[in-house]
Amino acid sequence: MMNFGSRVIHVDLFSQLADYSKFPRADLTIITYENRVHCDIAVIDQLSAKNTIVVLEDNGARKRSGGMAMRNVDIQTVTGIMVEAVPAYNIMHMPDNG
């Protein structure tokens, strides 16, 4: 969670990491990946107010109606904030055998 001016922004909500009942409702929620570690629909709904904008990557947008879908390299201005979708990858670190 972060504040930008008077706006509250949440990113990648996952209920096992925090007690979200203590967090303020979001003006903007950004979900970067479709799996539940990034996209916990129950928490997104819990922290959403009437005017909350939820930005999801393309596959995540299929899991929750009413969100704004973005694909890699898309750029949108949302509540006066530029949001740019960039490719990201999980990299597995291999043990050093040497």
C-alpha atoms as a PDB file:
ATOM      1  CA  MET A   1       0.000   0.000   0.000  1.00  0.00           C
ATOM      2  CA  MET A   2       1.151   3.516  -0.698  1.00  0.00           C
ATOM      3  CA  ASN A   3      -0.242   7.008  -0.743  1.00  0.00           C
ATOM      4  CA  PHE A   4       0.132   9.325  -3.696  1.00  0.00           C
ATOM      5  CA  GLY A   5      -1.170  12.733  -2.763  1.00  0.00           C
ATOM      6  CA  SER A   6      -4.524  12.030  -1.171  1.00  0.00           C
ATOM      7  CA  ARG A   7      -4.989   8.725  -3.035  1.00  0.00           C
ATOM      8  CA  VAL A   8      -4.519   5.257  -1.542  1.00  0.00           C
ATOM      9  CA  ILE A   9      -2.972   2.670  -3.882  1.00  0.00           C
ATOM     10  CA  HIS A  10      -2.817  -1.062  -3.194  1.00  0.00           C
ATOM     11  CA  VAL A  11      -0.685  -3.481  -5.224  1.00  0.00           C
ATOM     12  CA  ASP A  12      -0.886  -7.303  -5.429  1.00  0.00           C
ATOM     13  CA  LEU A  13      -3.203  -8.144  -2.557  1.00  0.00           C
ATOM     14  CA  PHE A  14      -2.859 -11.535  -0.817  1.00  0.00           C
ATOM     15  CA  SER A  15      -4.789 -12.282   2.373  1.00  0.00           C
ATOM     16  CA  GLN A  16      -2.125 -14.511   3.906  1.00  0.00           C
ATOM     17  CA  LEU A  17       0.362 -11.632   4.114  1.00  0.00           C
ATOM     18  CA  ALA A  18      -1.576  -9.026   6.062  1.00  0.00           C
ATOM     19  CA  ASP A  19      -4.678  -8.265   8.081  1.00  0.00           C
ATOM     20  CA  TYR A  20      -6.333  -6.052   5.499  1.00  0.00           C
ATOM     21  CA  SER A  21      -9.192  -5.147   7.852  1.00  0.00           C
ATOM     22  CA  LYS A  22      -6.843  -2.475   9.227  1.00  0.00           C
ATOM     23  CA  PHE A  23      -6.030  -0.966   5.819  1.00  0.00           C
ATOM     24  CA  PRO A  24      -7.842   1.970   4.220  1.00  0.00           C
ATOM     25  CA  ARG A  25      -9.996   1.425   1.157  1.00  0.00           C
ATOM     26  CA  ALA A  26      -8.254   1.882  -2.161  1.00  0.00           C
ATOM     27  CA  ASP A  27      -8.680   4.604  -4.730  1.00  0.00           C
ATOM     28  CA  LEU A  28      -6.588   2.491  -7.095  1.00  0.00           C
ATOM     29  CA  THR A  29      -5.658  -1.192  -6.912  1.00  0.00           C
ATOM     30  CA  ILE A  30      -3.051  -2.646  -9.265  1.00  0.00           C
ATOM     31  CA  ILE A  31      -2.805  -6.405  -9.757  1.00  0.00           C
ATOM     32  CA  THR A  32       0.281  -7.512 -11.677  1.00  0.00           C
ATOM     33  CA  TYR A  33      -0.415 -11.218 -12.126  1.00  0.00           C
ATOM     34  CA  GLU A  34      -3.427 -13.519 -12.202  1.00  0.00           C
ATOM     35  CA  ASN A  35      -2.519 -16.093  -9.525  1.00  0.00           C
ATOM     36  CA  ARG A  36      -3.927 -15.825  -5.975  1.00  0.00           C
ATOM     37  CA  VAL A  37      -0.619 -14.643  -4.474  1.00  0.00           C
ATOM     38  CA  HIS A  38      -1.039 -11.446  -6.501  1.00  0.00           C
ATOM     39  CA  CYS A  39      -4.781 -11.458  -7.169  1.00  0.00           C
ATOM     40  CA  ASP A  40      -6.824 -12.327  -4.066  1.00  0.00           C
ATOM     41  CA  ILE A  41     -10.322 -11.417  -5.246  1.00  0.00           C
ATOM     42  CA  ALA A  42     -11.810 -11.412  -1.733  1.00  0.00           C
ATOM     43  CA  VAL A  43      -9.252  -8.844  -0.534  1.00  0.00           C
ATOM     44  CA  ILE A  44      -9.636  -6.737  -3.672  1.00  0.00           C
ATOM     45  CA  ASP A  45     -13.378  -6.592  -2.994  1.00  0.00           C
ATOM     46  CA  GLN A  46     -12.826  -5.927   0.739  1.00  0.00           C
ATOM     47  CA  LEU A  47     -10.612  -2.898   0.017  1.00  0.00           C
ATOM     48  CA  SER A  48     -12.675  -1.541  -2.861  1.00  0.00           C
ATOM     49  CA  ALA A  49     -14.939   1.434  -2.412  1.00  0.00           C
ATOM     50  CA  LYS A  50     -17.645   2.563  -4.824  1.00  0.00           C
ATOM     51  CA  ASN A  51     -15.167   4.526  -6.980  1.00  0.00           C
ATOM     52  CA  THR A  52     -12.103   2.264  -6.673  1.00  0.00           C
ATOM     53  CA  ILE A  53     -10.412   1.525  -9.988  1.00  0.00           C
ATOM     54  CA  VAL A  54      -8.879  -1.935 -10.227  1.00  0.00           C
ATOM     55  CA  VAL A  55      -6.182  -2.409 -12.883  1.00  0.00           C
ATOM     56  CA  LEU A  56      -5.428  -6.037 -13.695  1.00  0.00           C
ATOM     57  CA  GLU A  57      -3.229  -7.750 -16.182  1.00  0.00           C
ATOM     58  CA  ASP A  58      -5.218  -9.256 -19.052  1.00  0.00           C
ATOM     59  CA  ASN A  59      -5.786 -12.744 -17.571  1.00  0.00           C
ATOM     60  CA  GLY A  60      -6.587 -11.369 -14.123  1.00  0.00           C
ATOM     61  CA  ALA A  61      -9.290  -9.191 -15.629  1.00  0.00           C
ATOM     62  CA  ARG A  62     -11.176 -12.367 -16.555  1.00  0.00           C
ATOM     63  CA  LYS A  63     -11.360 -13.309 -12.855  1.00  0.00           C
ATOM     64  CA  ARG A  64     -12.955 -10.075 -11.653  1.00  0.00           C
ATOM     65  CA  SER A  65     -15.515  -8.076 -13.542  1.00  0.00           C
ATOM     66  CA  GLY A  66     -15.370  -4.313 -13.537  1.00  0.00           C
ATOM     67  CA  GLY A  67     -11.593  -4.019 -13.719  1.00  0.00           C
ATOM     68  CA  MET A  68      -9.437  -2.258 -16.272  1.00  0.00           C
ATOM     69  CA  ALA A  69      -7.353  -4.757 -18.261  1.00  0.00           C
ATOM     70  CA  MET A  70      -3.815  -3.904 -19.351  1.00  0.00           C
ATOM     71  CA  ARG A  71      -1.331  -5.880 -21.420  1.00  0.00           C
ATOM     72  CA  ASN A  72       2.450  -5.597 -21.463  1.00  0.00           C
ATOM     73  CA  VAL A  73       3.591  -2.240 -22.896  1.00  0.00           C
ATOM     74  CA  ASP A  74       0.173  -0.620 -22.344  1.00  0.00           C
ATOM     75  CA  ILE A  75       0.278   2.812 -20.724  1.00  0.00           C
ATOM     76  CA  GLN A  76      -2.814   4.315 -19.104  1.00  0.00           C
ATOM     77  CA  THR A  77      -3.389   7.351 -16.936  1.00  0.00           C
ATOM     78  CA  VAL A  78      -5.577   6.298 -14.012  1.00  0.00           C
ATOM     79  CA  THR A  79      -6.782   8.891 -11.493  1.00  0.00           C
ATOM     80  CA  GLY A  80      -3.999  11.157 -12.754  1.00  0.00           C
ATOM     81  CA  ILE A  81      -1.309   8.496 -12.265  1.00  0.00           C
ATOM     82  CA  MET A  82       0.567   6.988 -15.209  1.00  0.00           C
ATOM     83  CA  VAL A  83       0.486   3.186 -15.048  1.00  0.00           C
ATOM     84  CA  GLU A  84       2.791   1.300 -17.423  1.00  0.00           C
ATOM     85  CA  ALA A  85       2.548  -2.474 -17.816  1.00  0.00           C
ATOM     86  CA  VAL A  86       5.965  -4.030 -18.295  1.00  0.00           C
ATOM     87  CA  PRO A  87       6.945  -7.699 -18.750  1.00  0.00           C
ATOM     88  CA  ALA A  88       8.193  -9.441 -15.612  1.00  0.00           C
ATOM     89  CA  TYR A  89       9.416 -12.964 -15.080  1.00  0.00           C
ATOM     90  CA  ASN A  90      10.138 -15.204 -12.113  1.00  0.00           C
ATOM     91  CA  ILE A  91      13.779 -16.185 -12.172  1.00  0.00           C
ATOM     92  CA  MET A  92      14.820 -19.333 -10.353  1.00  0.00           C
ATOM     93  CA  HIS A  93      18.186 -19.036  -8.692  1.00  0.00           C
ATOM     94  CA  MET A  94      20.206 -22.211  -9.008  1.00  0.00           C
ATOM     95  CA  PRO A  95      22.574 -23.260  -6.211  1.00  0.00           C
ATOM     96  CA  ASP A  96      26.234 -22.607  -6.868  1.00  0.00           C
ATOM     97  CA  ASN A  97      27.932 -25.999  -7.219  1.00  0.00           C
ATOM     98  CA  GLY A  98      31.402 -24.579  -7.607  1.00  0.00           C
END
